[in-house]
């Protein structure tokens, strides 16, 4: 088992009971936003590494496709959205963070 607090942007992470890896898109303690694209659909999960939970967000107004959208979502998670929007991990759909594997990002050859 891997430790969620050690995740870094660019890594790929697989959770228990998940077949596919998520890409770690943004890390700002205590939150980590991970996404995956499957058959043209975008999926995401938000981790709170202090509470050891993960799940979807509670607001319908946020997207998780582009770097800009993910940065806006991270601001809202921290209560820093310029428009006053807030975001938290859904209480109804949260599960424990159990990481089964982490893949380091590939190094780019110059």
N, C-alpha and C. Protein backbone atom coordinates (compact mmCIF):
# COMPACT_ATOMS: atom_id res chain seq x y z
N UNK A 1 0.84 -1.18 0.00
CA UNK A 1 0.00 0.00 0.00
C UNK A 1 0.89 1.24 0.00
N UNK A 2 0.51 2.23 -0.80
CA UNK A 2 1.25 3.48 -0.91
C UNK A 2 0.59 4.54 -0.03
N UNK A 3 1.33 5.59 0.28
CA UNK A 3 0.84 6.65 1.15
C UNK A 3 0.36 7.83 0.31
N UNK A 4 -0.88 8.25 0.51
CA UNK A 4 -1.49 9.33 -0.27
C UNK A 4 -0.75 10.65 -0.09
N UNK A 5 -0.19 10.90 1.09
CA UNK A 5 0.52 12.16 1.34
C UNK A 5 1.76 12.31 0.47
N UNK A 6 2.26 11.22 -0.08
CA UNK A 6 3.47 11.27 -0.91
C UNK A 6 3.19 11.46 -2.40
N UNK A 7 1.92 11.57 -2.80
CA UNK A 7 1.59 11.70 -4.22
C UNK A 7 2.11 13.03 -4.77
N UNK A 8 2.53 12.97 -6.05
CA UNK A 8 3.05 14.15 -6.73
C UNK A 8 2.36 14.29 -8.09
N UNK A 9 2.25 15.52 -8.53
CA UNK A 9 1.65 15.82 -9.83
C UNK A 9 2.37 15.04 -10.93
N UNK A 10 1.59 14.43 -11.81
CA UNK A 10 2.15 13.67 -12.92
C UNK A 10 2.20 12.17 -12.69
N UNK A 11 2.11 11.74 -11.44
CA UNK A 11 2.10 10.31 -11.17
C UNK A 11 0.75 9.71 -11.59
N UNK A 12 0.77 8.40 -11.81
CA UNK A 12 -0.47 7.67 -12.05
C UNK A 12 -0.71 6.80 -10.83
N UNK A 13 -1.95 6.78 -10.38
CA UNK A 13 -2.28 6.08 -9.14
C UNK A 13 -3.50 5.18 -9.37
N UNK A 14 -3.43 4.00 -8.77
CA UNK A 14 -4.57 3.07 -8.85
C UNK A 14 -5.06 2.81 -7.42
N UNK A 15 -6.37 2.84 -7.27
CA UNK A 15 -7.00 2.63 -5.98
C UNK A 15 -7.58 1.23 -5.91
N UNK A 16 -7.79 0.75 -4.70
CA UNK A 16 -8.40 -0.56 -4.50
C UNK A 16 -9.79 -0.55 -5.17
N UNK A 17 -10.16 -1.65 -5.76
CA UNK A 17 -11.44 -1.83 -6.46
C UNK A 17 -11.56 -1.00 -7.74
N UNK A 18 -10.45 -0.48 -8.24
CA UNK A 18 -10.44 0.25 -9.52
C UNK A 18 -9.52 -0.50 -10.47
N UNK A 19 -9.94 -0.64 -11.72
CA UNK A 19 -9.11 -1.33 -12.70
C UNK A 19 -8.11 -0.41 -13.37
N UNK A 20 -8.48 0.85 -13.53
CA UNK A 20 -7.65 1.78 -14.28
C UNK A 20 -6.98 2.80 -13.36
N UNK A 21 -5.90 3.35 -13.88
CA UNK A 21 -5.14 4.36 -13.14
C UNK A 21 -5.76 5.75 -13.33
N UNK A 22 -5.62 6.58 -12.32
CA UNK A 22 -5.94 8.00 -12.38
C UNK A 22 -4.63 8.76 -12.50
N UNK A 23 -4.65 9.89 -13.19
CA UNK A 23 -3.51 10.78 -13.29
C UNK A 23 -3.61 11.84 -12.20
N UNK A 24 -2.55 12.01 -11.43
CA UNK A 24 -2.53 13.06 -10.40
C UNK A 24 -2.33 14.38 -11.13
N UNK A 25 -3.36 15.24 -11.09
CA UNK A 25 -3.33 16.49 -11.85
C UNK A 25 -2.93 17.69 -11.01
N UNK A 26 -3.27 17.68 -9.72
CA UNK A 26 -2.96 18.84 -8.87
C UNK A 26 -2.82 18.37 -7.43
N UNK A 27 -1.83 18.90 -6.74
CA UNK A 27 -1.59 18.56 -5.35
C UNK A 27 -1.41 19.86 -4.57
N UNK A 28 -2.23 20.07 -3.58
CA UNK A 28 -2.07 21.18 -2.65
C UNK A 28 -2.65 20.72 -1.33
N UNK A 29 -1.77 20.48 -0.39
CA UNK A 29 -2.14 19.87 0.87
C UNK A 29 -3.35 20.55 1.49
N UNK A 30 -4.35 19.81 1.93
CA UNK A 30 -4.41 18.36 2.04
C UNK A 30 -5.09 17.68 0.84
N UNK A 31 -5.36 18.43 -0.24
CA UNK A 31 -6.14 17.87 -1.33
C UNK A 31 -5.29 17.45 -2.52
N UNK A 32 -5.76 16.40 -3.20
CA UNK A 32 -5.16 15.91 -4.43
C UNK A 32 -6.31 15.68 -5.41
N UNK A 33 -6.19 16.22 -6.62
CA UNK A 33 -7.21 16.00 -7.66
C UNK A 33 -6.62 15.07 -8.71
N UNK A 34 -7.33 13.97 -8.97
CA UNK A 34 -6.90 12.97 -9.96
C UNK A 34 -7.99 12.82 -11.01
N UNK A 35 -7.58 12.58 -12.26
CA UNK A 35 -8.55 12.41 -13.34
C UNK A 35 -8.17 11.21 -14.19
N UNK A 36 -9.16 10.74 -14.94
CA UNK A 36 -8.92 9.72 -15.96
C UNK A 36 -9.92 9.93 -17.09
N UNK A 37 -9.53 9.52 -18.27
CA UNK A 37 -10.40 9.61 -19.44
C UNK A 37 -10.62 8.19 -19.95
N UNK A 38 -11.87 7.83 -20.11
CA UNK A 38 -12.21 6.47 -20.53
C UNK A 38 -13.33 6.54 -21.55
N UNK A 39 -13.06 6.07 -22.75
CA UNK A 39 -14.04 6.07 -23.84
C UNK A 39 -14.65 7.44 -24.06
N UNK A 40 -13.81 8.48 -24.00
CA UNK A 40 -14.26 9.84 -24.25
C UNK A 40 -14.91 10.54 -23.07
N UNK A 41 -15.09 9.83 -21.97
CA UNK A 41 -15.68 10.43 -20.78
C UNK A 41 -14.58 10.76 -19.77
N UNK A 42 -14.77 11.88 -19.08
CA UNK A 42 -13.80 12.30 -18.07
C UNK A 42 -14.33 11.95 -16.69
N UNK A 43 -13.46 11.38 -15.87
CA UNK A 43 -13.80 11.02 -14.49
C UNK A 43 -12.77 11.66 -13.57
N UNK A 44 -13.17 11.94 -12.35
CA UNK A 44 -12.25 12.54 -11.40
C UNK A 44 -12.52 12.00 -10.01
N UNK A 45 -11.54 12.16 -9.15
CA UNK A 45 -11.71 11.88 -7.74
C UNK A 45 -10.86 12.88 -6.98
N UNK A 46 -11.36 13.33 -5.84
CA UNK A 46 -10.64 14.28 -4.99
C UNK A 46 -10.24 13.54 -3.72
N UNK A 47 -8.98 13.65 -3.35
CA UNK A 47 -8.49 13.03 -2.13
C UNK A 47 -8.27 14.08 -1.06
N UNK A 48 -8.60 13.75 0.16
CA UNK A 48 -8.20 14.52 1.33
C UNK A 48 -7.24 13.62 2.09
N UNK A 49 -5.95 13.92 2.01
CA UNK A 49 -4.95 13.02 2.57
C UNK A 49 -4.90 13.09 4.10
N UNK A 50 -5.41 14.14 4.70
CA UNK A 50 -5.46 14.21 6.16
C UNK A 50 -6.57 13.34 6.73
N UNK A 51 -7.72 13.35 6.05
CA UNK A 51 -8.86 12.56 6.51
C UNK A 51 -8.87 11.16 5.90
N UNK A 52 -7.96 10.92 4.93
CA UNK A 52 -7.85 9.63 4.25
C UNK A 52 -9.16 9.22 3.57
N UNK A 53 -9.78 10.19 2.86
CA UNK A 53 -11.00 9.93 2.12
C UNK A 53 -10.83 10.42 0.69
N UNK A 54 -11.67 9.89 -0.20
CA UNK A 54 -11.72 10.36 -1.58
C UNK A 54 -13.14 10.24 -2.09
N UNK A 55 -13.45 11.00 -3.12
CA UNK A 55 -14.77 10.94 -3.73
C UNK A 55 -14.95 12.08 -4.70
N UNK A 56 -16.17 12.23 -5.17
CA UNK A 56 -16.50 13.31 -6.10
C UNK A 56 -16.76 14.59 -5.32
N UNK A 57 -16.81 15.69 -6.05
CA UNK A 57 -17.10 16.98 -5.44
C UNK A 57 -18.59 17.18 -5.22
N UNK A 58 -18.93 18.24 -4.47
CA UNK A 58 -20.33 18.49 -4.12
C UNK A 58 -20.98 19.56 -4.98
N UNK A 59 -20.25 20.18 -5.87
CA UNK A 59 -20.81 21.28 -6.65
C UNK A 59 -20.92 20.89 -8.12
N UNK A 60 -22.05 21.23 -8.73
CA UNK A 60 -22.26 20.93 -10.14
C UNK A 60 -21.55 21.92 -11.05
N UNK A 61 -21.04 23.02 -10.52
CA UNK A 61 -20.48 24.08 -11.35
C UNK A 61 -19.02 23.89 -11.73
N UNK A 62 -18.40 22.80 -11.33
CA UNK A 62 -16.97 22.62 -11.59
C UNK A 62 -16.73 21.48 -12.58
N UNK A 63 -15.75 21.72 -13.45
CA UNK A 63 -15.31 20.69 -14.39
C UNK A 63 -13.87 20.33 -14.05
N UNK A 64 -13.44 19.18 -14.54
CA UNK A 64 -12.11 18.68 -14.20
C UNK A 64 -11.38 18.19 -15.45
N UNK A 65 -11.57 18.89 -16.58
CA UNK A 65 -10.94 18.46 -17.82
C UNK A 65 -9.63 19.19 -18.10
N UNK A 66 -9.60 20.50 -17.92
CA UNK A 66 -8.41 21.28 -18.26
C UNK A 66 -7.64 21.66 -17.00
N UNK A 67 -6.38 22.06 -17.20
CA UNK A 67 -5.57 22.51 -16.06
C UNK A 67 -6.21 23.71 -15.37
N UNK A 68 -6.78 24.60 -16.15
CA UNK A 68 -7.43 25.79 -15.59
C UNK A 68 -8.64 25.42 -14.74
N UNK A 69 -9.46 24.51 -15.23
CA UNK A 69 -10.63 24.07 -14.46
C UNK A 69 -10.21 23.37 -13.16
N UNK A 70 -9.15 22.60 -13.23
CA UNK A 70 -8.67 21.90 -12.03
C UNK A 70 -8.09 22.91 -11.03
N UNK A 71 -7.39 23.92 -11.53
CA UNK A 71 -6.86 24.96 -10.64
C UNK A 71 -8.00 25.71 -9.95
N UNK A 72 -9.07 26.02 -10.70
CA UNK A 72 -10.24 26.68 -10.11
C UNK A 72 -10.88 25.80 -9.04
N UNK A 73 -10.96 24.52 -9.30
CA UNK A 73 -11.54 23.58 -8.34
C UNK A 73 -10.70 23.51 -7.07
N UNK A 74 -9.39 23.54 -7.23
CA UNK A 74 -8.51 23.51 -6.06
C UNK A 74 -8.69 24.76 -5.21
N UNK A 75 -8.85 25.91 -5.86
CA UNK A 75 -9.12 27.15 -5.11
C UNK A 75 -10.41 27.01 -4.30
N UNK A 76 -11.45 26.46 -4.91
CA UNK A 76 -12.73 26.29 -4.23
C UNK A 76 -12.63 25.31 -3.07
N UNK A 77 -11.83 24.27 -3.22
CA UNK A 77 -11.62 23.31 -2.13
C UNK A 77 -11.00 23.99 -0.91
N UNK A 78 -10.15 24.98 -1.17
CA UNK A 78 -9.48 25.70 -0.09
C UNK A 78 -10.24 26.95 0.35
N UNK A 79 -11.44 27.18 -0.21
CA UNK A 79 -12.23 28.35 0.16
C UNK A 79 -11.66 29.65 -0.38
N UNK A 80 -10.93 29.58 -1.50
CA UNK A 80 -10.26 30.75 -2.06
C UNK A 80 -10.79 31.14 -3.43
N UNK A 81 -11.93 30.63 -3.84
CA UNK A 81 -12.48 30.96 -5.14
C UNK A 81 -12.86 32.44 -5.17
N UNK A 82 -12.44 33.18 -6.23
CA UNK A 82 -12.73 34.63 -6.27
C UNK A 82 -14.22 34.95 -6.34
N UNK A 83 -15.04 34.01 -6.79
CA UNK A 83 -16.48 34.23 -6.85
C UNK A 83 -17.22 33.70 -5.63
N UNK A 84 -16.48 33.15 -4.69
CA UNK A 84 -17.09 32.67 -3.45
C UNK A 84 -17.64 31.25 -3.53
N UNK A 85 -17.37 30.54 -4.63
CA UNK A 85 -17.85 29.16 -4.73
C UNK A 85 -17.05 28.26 -3.80
N UNK A 86 -17.72 27.26 -3.25
CA UNK A 86 -17.06 26.32 -2.37
C UNK A 86 -17.23 24.91 -2.90
N UNK A 87 -16.29 24.07 -2.59
CA UNK A 87 -16.30 22.69 -3.05
C UNK A 87 -15.78 21.82 -1.92
N UNK A 88 -16.39 20.68 -1.73
CA UNK A 88 -15.91 19.70 -0.76
C UNK A 88 -16.15 18.31 -1.31
N UNK A 89 -15.55 17.34 -0.68
CA UNK A 89 -15.75 15.95 -1.10
C UNK A 89 -17.13 15.51 -0.62
N UNK A 90 -17.87 14.91 -1.52
CA UNK A 90 -19.23 14.46 -1.21
C UNK A 90 -19.24 13.55 0.01
N UNK A 91 -20.11 13.84 0.93
CA UNK A 91 -20.23 12.98 2.12
C UNK A 91 -20.90 11.65 1.77
N UNK A 92 -21.78 11.68 0.82
CA UNK A 92 -22.55 10.49 0.46
C UNK A 92 -21.72 9.47 -0.32
N UNK A 93 -20.78 9.96 -1.13
CA UNK A 93 -20.05 9.07 -2.03
C UNK A 93 -18.59 8.87 -1.66
N UNK A 94 -18.19 9.28 -0.48
CA UNK A 94 -16.77 9.16 -0.12
C UNK A 94 -16.41 7.74 0.29
N UNK A 95 -15.16 7.40 0.04
CA UNK A 95 -14.62 6.11 0.44
C UNK A 95 -13.22 6.34 1.01
N UNK A 96 -12.67 5.35 1.66
CA UNK A 96 -11.31 5.45 2.19
C UNK A 96 -10.31 5.44 1.03
N UNK A 97 -9.21 6.14 1.21
CA UNK A 97 -8.13 6.14 0.23
C UNK A 97 -7.27 4.90 0.49
N UNK A 98 -7.31 3.97 -0.47
CA UNK A 98 -6.46 2.79 -0.41
C UNK A 98 -5.78 2.68 -1.78
N UNK A 99 -4.51 3.01 -1.80
CA UNK A 99 -3.73 3.02 -3.04
C UNK A 99 -3.04 1.67 -3.21
N UNK A 100 -3.24 1.07 -4.39
CA UNK A 100 -2.62 -0.23 -4.65
C UNK A 100 -1.35 -0.11 -5.49
N UNK A 101 -1.22 0.99 -6.27
CA UNK A 101 -0.04 1.13 -7.11
C UNK A 101 0.13 2.59 -7.52
N UNK A 102 1.40 2.99 -7.69
CA UNK A 102 1.75 4.32 -8.18
C UNK A 102 2.81 4.15 -9.26
N UNK A 103 2.60 4.84 -10.38
CA UNK A 103 3.57 4.83 -11.47
C UNK A 103 4.15 6.24 -11.60
N UNK A 104 5.46 6.31 -11.60
CA UNK A 104 6.13 7.60 -11.74
C UNK A 104 5.95 8.12 -13.17
N UNK A 105 5.94 9.46 -13.33
CA UNK A 105 5.81 10.01 -14.69
C UNK A 105 7.02 9.67 -15.54
N UNK A 106 6.80 9.53 -16.82
CA UNK A 106 7.89 9.24 -17.73
C UNK A 106 8.75 10.48 -17.90
N UNK A 107 10.06 10.28 -17.89
CA UNK A 107 10.97 11.41 -18.08
C UNK A 107 11.06 11.72 -19.57
N UNK A 108 10.97 13.00 -19.90
CA UNK A 108 11.04 13.43 -21.28
C UNK A 108 12.50 13.49 -21.73
N UNK A 109 12.74 12.96 -22.91
CA UNK A 109 14.09 12.97 -23.48
C UNK A 109 14.22 14.23 -24.32
N UNK A 110 15.32 14.96 -24.10
CA UNK A 110 15.54 16.20 -24.85
C UNK A 110 16.19 15.93 -26.17
